Amino acid sequence: MAEPAGQPEERIRDVLGAARARLSESGIETANLDARVLLEFALSRSQSWLYANPDYRIAGADLARFDALLVRREQRQPVSQIVGCREFWSLSFQVTRDVLTPRPDSEALIEAVLEEMPDRAVPVRILDLGTGSGCLLLTLLSEYGAATGVGVDVSSAALQVAARNGQQLGLDARVDWVLGQWNTKFDADFDVVISNPPYIETGAIAGLDRDVADYEPYLALDGGGDGLDAYREILTHVGDVLHESGLLVFEIGQGQADAVTALAHGVGLDLRAARHDLSGITRALVFGTSTKA
């Protein structure tokens, strides 16, 4: 069907080039990637299709939709929130403003658990404190086929996102979502307690990229004056939920490894492993009960 008069058409290659320049001028460092992902979303097409059809002419209605998406990105709304999902560990997770966007750096926690527990058939119980989108817990359940888990969060809106992700991944039968705090108690112990708690110093939040400071949930960022408040709270109560031979796995911020390790030692936990993220920063710490006599 012919495009109605007054509705221009533009080639994909030209549209992408203009969008990249536009986002770059707005100071967005990932302009190339963001422009492509947003155009894929606007057209409901795949990356491979875009690459194979650079001269395809985009209709005016789709151009208008793409422009509206670019405006939101120029305002620094994260791409994950605009398109409503983000890939993590090759799985797709729904994302809203109620949860942190899953980041590749957090995959270091998954790698750490898999390294410490190489038997994927073991029927472990996993507790995820501050579960957010559920990406950590659900990824582990996808790797350990006999595992069950509980995700805890103080935000009911976040738990709704996590529940949708569990359903989407077909893992909802093996997971429970609980509205609670760092010190929520359970009737049985867990073999793995994992957490990506808030670890940004309160005074530093305003200086973060606008993508984070303006759009990510504040409660998931604010770690208190020194960024360590959540670790203190979790470590104070983790003995109530962690099996005596279990693992505690934390995500930490840059430069926090020594401080968090000292806090863990104070409650009888030894550092068993540390893993770096893609930038070489220590990102995951694994603790276990002290073996010293």
Protein backbone atom coordinates (compact mmCIF):
# COMPACT_ATOMS: atom_id res chain seq x y z
CA MET A 1 0.00 0.00 0.00
CA ALA A 2 1.35 3.40 -0.91
CA GLU A 3 2.35 5.73 1.89
CA PRO A 4 -0.14 8.59 2.33
CA ALA A 5 0.88 11.98 1.00
CA GLY A 6 2.91 14.03 3.43
CA GLN A 7 4.40 10.92 5.10
CA PRO A 8 8.12 10.83 4.11
CA GLU A 9 10.22 7.71 3.91
CA GLU A 10 13.92 7.44 4.79
CA ARG A 11 16.46 4.68 4.33
CA ILE A 12 17.61 2.71 7.38
CA ARG A 13 21.25 3.67 6.83
CA ASP A 14 20.40 7.37 6.81
CA VAL A 15 18.05 7.15 9.77
CA LEU A 16 20.64 5.31 11.86
CA GLY A 17 23.39 7.73 10.93
CA ALA A 18 21.30 10.73 11.90
CA ALA A 19 20.20 9.07 15.16
CA ARG A 20 23.78 8.23 16.12
CA ALA A 21 24.85 11.81 15.55
CA ARG A 22 21.87 13.12 17.48
CA LEU A 23 22.53 10.95 20.52
CA SER A 24 26.26 11.65 20.40
CA GLU A 25 25.59 15.40 20.43
CA SER A 26 23.52 14.80 23.56
CA GLY A 27 26.58 13.32 25.24
CA ILE A 28 25.47 9.69 25.13
CA GLU A 29 28.56 7.49 24.88
CA THR A 30 26.65 4.44 23.64
CA ALA A 31 24.98 6.34 20.81
CA ASN A 32 25.70 3.71 18.14
CA LEU A 33 24.29 0.81 20.16
CA ASP A 34 21.36 2.79 21.53
CA ALA A 35 20.28 4.03 18.10
CA ARG A 36 20.29 0.52 16.68
CA VAL A 37 18.41 -1.06 19.59
CA LEU A 38 15.77 1.67 19.57
CA LEU A 39 15.27 1.35 15.82
CA GLU A 40 14.91 -2.42 16.14
CA PHE A 41 12.25 -1.79 18.76
CA ALA A 42 10.46 0.87 16.73
CA LEU A 43 10.29 -1.40 13.68
CA SER A 44 9.80 -4.69 15.57
CA ARG A 45 12.76 -6.05 13.59
CA SER A 46 15.93 -7.93 14.53
CA GLN A 47 19.51 -6.69 14.42
CA SER A 48 20.31 -9.07 11.56
CA TRP A 49 17.35 -7.76 9.56
CA LEU A 50 18.52 -4.18 9.96
CA TYR A 51 22.03 -5.07 8.80
CA ALA A 52 20.65 -6.97 5.80
CA ASN A 53 18.35 -4.15 4.68
CA PRO A 54 20.24 -0.84 4.94
CA ASP A 55 18.29 0.65 2.02
CA TYR A 56 14.85 -0.30 3.32
CA ARG A 57 12.72 2.82 3.43
CA ILE A 58 11.06 3.46 6.78
CA ALA A 59 7.51 4.78 6.63
CA GLY A 60 6.58 8.08 8.21
CA ALA A 61 4.59 6.58 11.09
CA ASP A 62 7.56 4.42 12.10
CA LEU A 63 9.89 7.39 11.78
CA ALA A 64 7.68 9.34 14.18
CA ARG A 65 7.69 6.45 16.63
CA PHE A 66 11.47 6.20 16.43
CA ASP A 67 11.81 9.94 16.98
CA ALA A 68 9.71 9.70 20.16
CA LEU A 69 12.02 6.97 21.44
CA LEU A 70 15.08 9.09 20.69
CA VAL A 71 13.58 11.97 22.65
CA ARG A 72 13.24 9.74 25.70
CA ARG A 73 16.85 8.59 25.34
CA GLU A 74 18.03 12.19 24.98
CA GLN A 75 16.34 12.80 28.32
CA ARG A 76 18.60 10.01 29.63
CA GLN A 77 15.94 7.39 30.20
CA PRO A 78 17.78 4.04 30.02
CA VAL A 79 17.25 2.04 26.84
CA SER A 80 16.19 -0.94 28.96
CA GLN A 81 13.27 1.04 30.38
CA ILE A 82 12.31 2.39 26.97
CA VAL A 83 12.14 -1.04 25.33
CA GLY A 84 11.04 -2.76 28.56
CA CYS A 85 13.67 -5.48 28.75
CA ARG A 86 17.38 -6.23 29.13
CA GLU A 87 19.46 -9.31 28.40
CA PHE A 88 21.36 -10.89 31.29
CA TRP A 89 23.25 -14.18 31.03
CA SER A 90 21.62 -14.65 27.58
CA LEU A 91 18.17 -14.47 29.18
CA SER A 92 15.65 -11.67 28.64
CA PHE A 93 14.33 -9.83 31.69
CA GLN A 94 11.52 -7.31 31.87
CA VAL A 95 12.65 -3.94 33.21
CA THR A 96 10.69 -1.01 34.63
CA ARG A 97 11.57 2.03 36.72
CA ASP A 98 10.83 -0.08 39.81
CA VAL A 99 13.97 -2.23 39.40
CA LEU A 100 17.65 -1.81 38.66
CA THR A 101 18.58 -2.59 35.09
CA PRO A 102 20.48 -5.91 35.02
CA ARG A 103 24.10 -5.20 34.13
CA PRO A 104 26.84 -7.40 32.65
CA ASP A 105 29.02 -6.66 35.71
CA SER A 106 26.57 -8.61 37.88
CA GLU A 107 27.20 -11.75 35.85
CA ALA A 108 30.36 -12.06 37.95
CA LEU A 109 28.11 -13.26 40.81
CA ILE A 110 26.67 -16.02 38.65
CA GLU A 111 30.15 -17.08 37.58
CA ALA A 112 31.27 -17.15 41.21
CA VAL A 113 28.43 -19.45 42.30
CA LEU A 114 28.93 -21.80 39.35
CA GLU A 115 32.62 -22.05 40.13
CA GLU A 116 32.01 -22.81 43.81
CA MET A 117 29.20 -25.31 43.06
CA PRO A 118 30.04 -27.01 39.75
CA ASP A 119 27.42 -29.76 40.15
CA ARG A 120 24.41 -28.32 38.31
CA ALA A 121 22.13 -31.15 39.50
CA VAL A 122 22.43 -30.35 43.20
CA PRO A 123 19.01 -29.48 44.78
CA VAL A 124 20.10 -26.27 46.47
CA ARG A 125 17.91 -23.65 48.14
CA ILE A 126 18.78 -20.09 47.11
CA LEU A 127 17.82 -16.83 48.82
CA ASP A 128 18.12 -13.56 46.90
CA LEU A 129 18.01 -10.49 49.14
CA GLY A 130 16.93 -7.33 47.32
CA THR A 131 15.91 -9.35 44.29
CA GLY A 132 14.70 -6.47 42.09
CA SER A 133 14.05 -7.88 38.62
CA GLY A 134 14.91 -11.35 39.91
CA CYS A 135 17.77 -11.65 37.42
CA LEU A 136 20.28 -13.20 39.86
CA LEU A 137 17.92 -15.75 41.38
CA LEU A 138 16.22 -16.72 38.14
CA THR A 139 19.52 -17.09 36.32
CA LEU A 140 20.78 -19.44 39.01
CA LEU A 141 17.56 -21.44 38.86
CA SER A 142 18.03 -21.75 35.10
CA GLU A 143 21.51 -23.18 35.70
CA TYR A 144 20.62 -25.49 38.60
CA GLY A 145 17.68 -27.54 37.39
CA ALA A 146 16.83 -29.00 40.80
CA ALA A 147 17.19 -25.76 42.75
CA THR A 148 14.44 -23.74 44.40
CA GLY A 149 14.58 -20.16 45.53
CA VAL A 150 13.09 -17.23 47.36
CA GLY A 151 13.42 -13.63 46.25
CA VAL A 152 12.95 -10.91 48.87
CA ASP A 153 12.42 -7.24 48.21
CA VAL A 154 11.04 -4.27 50.12
CA SER A 155 9.23 -3.10 46.97
CA SER A 156 5.99 -4.81 45.99
CA ALA A 157 6.31 -3.24 42.52
CA ALA A 158 9.73 -4.83 42.08
CA LEU A 159 8.35 -8.20 43.13
CA GLN A 160 5.67 -7.92 40.47
CA VAL A 161 8.39 -7.42 37.85
CA ALA A 162 10.33 -10.39 39.24
CA ALA A 163 7.22 -12.57 39.20
CA ARG A 164 6.56 -11.72 35.55
CA ASN A 165 10.15 -12.61 34.72
CA GLY A 166 9.82 -15.93 36.51
CA GLN A 167 6.69 -16.73 34.54
CA GLN A 168 8.25 -15.65 31.26
CA LEU A 169 11.25 -17.93 31.86
CA GLY A 170 9.10 -20.85 32.97
CA LEU A 171 10.67 -20.91 36.43
CA ASP A 172 7.75 -19.69 38.54
CA ALA A 173 7.06 -23.17 39.97
CA ARG A 174 10.46 -23.17 41.68
CA VAL A 175 10.49 -19.70 43.15
CA ASP A 176 8.61 -17.70 45.77
CA TRP A 177 8.58 -13.91 46.02
CA VAL A 178 8.43 -12.38 49.49
CA LEU A 179 7.86 -8.79 50.55
CA GLY A 180 10.39 -8.21 53.30
CA GLN A 181 13.57 -6.68 54.66
CA TRP A 182 17.22 -7.73 54.91
CA ASN A 183 16.40 -9.51 58.18
CA THR A 184 13.34 -11.49 57.01
CA LYS A 185 13.35 -14.90 58.71
CA PHE A 186 12.48 -18.27 57.18
CA ASP A 187 11.70 -21.72 58.56
CA ALA A 188 14.62 -23.43 56.75
CA ASP A 189 18.21 -22.53 55.93
CA PHE A 190 19.52 -21.70 52.48
CA ASP A 191 22.54 -23.17 50.72
CA VAL A 192 23.21 -19.92 48.87
CA VAL A 193 22.37 -16.39 49.95
CA ILE A 194 23.05 -13.92 47.16
CA SER A 195 22.59 -10.17 47.10
CA ASN A 196 23.29 -7.09 45.03
CA PRO A 197 22.43 -4.58 47.76
CA PRO A 198 22.52 -0.79 47.45
CA TYR A 199 26.16 0.25 47.81
CA ILE A 200 26.42 3.82 46.52
CA GLU A 201 27.33 6.42 49.14
CA THR A 202 24.37 8.70 49.73
CA GLY A 203 26.35 11.81 48.88
CA ALA A 204 27.55 10.34 45.59
CA ILE A 205 24.14 9.50 44.11
CA ALA A 206 23.48 12.99 42.74
CA GLY A 207 26.76 12.81 40.81
CA LEU A 208 25.92 9.56 39.02
CA ASP A 209 25.00 9.51 35.34
CA ARG A 210 21.48 10.82 34.83
CA ASP A 211 20.51 7.42 33.42
CA VAL A 212 21.00 6.06 36.94
CA ALA A 213 20.36 8.99 39.27
CA ASP A 214 17.15 10.13 37.55
CA TYR A 215 15.62 6.79 36.57
CA GLU A 216 16.84 3.91 38.76
CA PRO A 217 15.01 3.28 42.08
CA TYR A 218 16.68 5.32 44.82
CA LEU A 219 16.28 2.61 47.44
CA ALA A 220 18.26 0.23 45.26
CA LEU A 221 21.14 2.71 45.06
CA ASP A 222 21.47 4.33 48.49
CA GLY A 223 23.96 2.44 50.65
CA GLY A 224 24.16 5.06 53.39
CA GLY A 225 26.95 7.43 54.31
CA ASP A 226 29.78 5.02 53.48
CA GLY A 227 27.86 2.75 51.12
CA LEU A 228 28.01 -0.19 53.54
CA ASP A 229 24.74 0.03 55.47
CA ALA A 230 23.04 -2.87 53.67
CA TYR A 231 26.07 -5.15 54.12
CA ARG A 232 26.06 -4.49 57.86
CA GLU A 233 22.37 -5.28 58.11
CA ILE A 234 22.57 -8.44 56.00
CA LEU A 235 25.63 -9.75 57.85
CA THR A 236 24.01 -9.12 61.21
CA HIS A 237 21.17 -11.50 60.34
CA VAL A 238 22.58 -13.84 57.69
CA GLY A 239 23.40 -16.49 60.27
CA ASP A 240 19.66 -16.96 60.77
CA VAL A 241 19.12 -18.04 57.15
CA LEU A 242 22.44 -19.41 55.85
CA HIS A 243 23.18 -23.13 56.19
CA GLU A 244 26.38 -23.84 58.14
CA SER A 245 28.06 -25.05 54.94
CA GLY A 246 26.37 -22.45 52.71
CA LEU A 247 27.70 -19.62 50.61
CA LEU A 248 27.07 -15.89 50.93
CA VAL A 249 27.64 -14.05 47.64
CA PHE A 250 27.73 -10.26 47.47
CA GLU A 251 28.03 -7.77 44.66
CA ILE A 252 30.15 -4.83 45.79
CA GLY A 253 31.13 -1.41 44.52
CA GLN A 254 34.59 -0.39 43.42
CA GLY A 255 37.02 -0.26 46.33
CA GLN A 256 34.68 -1.93 48.84
CA ALA A 257 36.25 -5.40 48.93
CA ASP A 258 38.41 -4.91 52.04
CA ALA A 259 35.67 -3.21 54.05
CA VAL A 260 33.00 -5.82 53.21
CA THR A 261 35.46 -8.65 53.90
CA ALA A 262 36.25 -7.17 57.30
CA LEU A 263 32.54 -6.95 58.12
CA ALA A 264 32.07 -10.59 57.10
CA HIS A 265 35.02 -11.70 59.22
CA GLY A 266 33.36 -10.00 62.16
CA VAL A 267 30.47 -12.47 61.98
CA GLY A 268 32.64 -15.56 61.42
CA LEU A 269 32.62 -15.72 57.62
CA ASP A 270 35.77 -16.24 55.57
CA LEU A 271 36.39 -14.97 52.06
CA ARG A 272 36.42 -17.96 49.73
CA ALA A 273 36.62 -16.29 46.33
CA ALA A 274 36.53 -12.96 44.55
CA ARG A 275 35.67 -12.32 40.92
CA HIS A 276 36.22 -9.29 38.71
CA ASP A 277 33.82 -7.68 36.27
CA LEU A 278 34.55 -6.93 32.62
CA SER A 279 36.53 -3.83 33.62
CA GLY A 280 38.78 -5.78 35.99
CA ILE A 281 37.09 -4.37 39.10
CA THR A 282 36.43 -6.73 42.01
CA ARG A 283 32.67 -7.16 41.78
CA ALA A 284 31.70 -10.43 43.51
CA LEU A 285 32.77 -11.77 46.91
CA VAL A 286 31.99 -15.29 48.12
CA PHE A 287 31.99 -16.04 51.84
CA GLY A 288 31.62 -19.24 53.83
CA THR A 289 31.62 -20.23 57.47
CA SER A 290 35.06 -20.05 59.04
CA THR A 291 36.90 -23.40 59.10
CA LYS A 292 39.34 -22.29 61.80
CA ALA A 293 39.25 -24.22 65.02
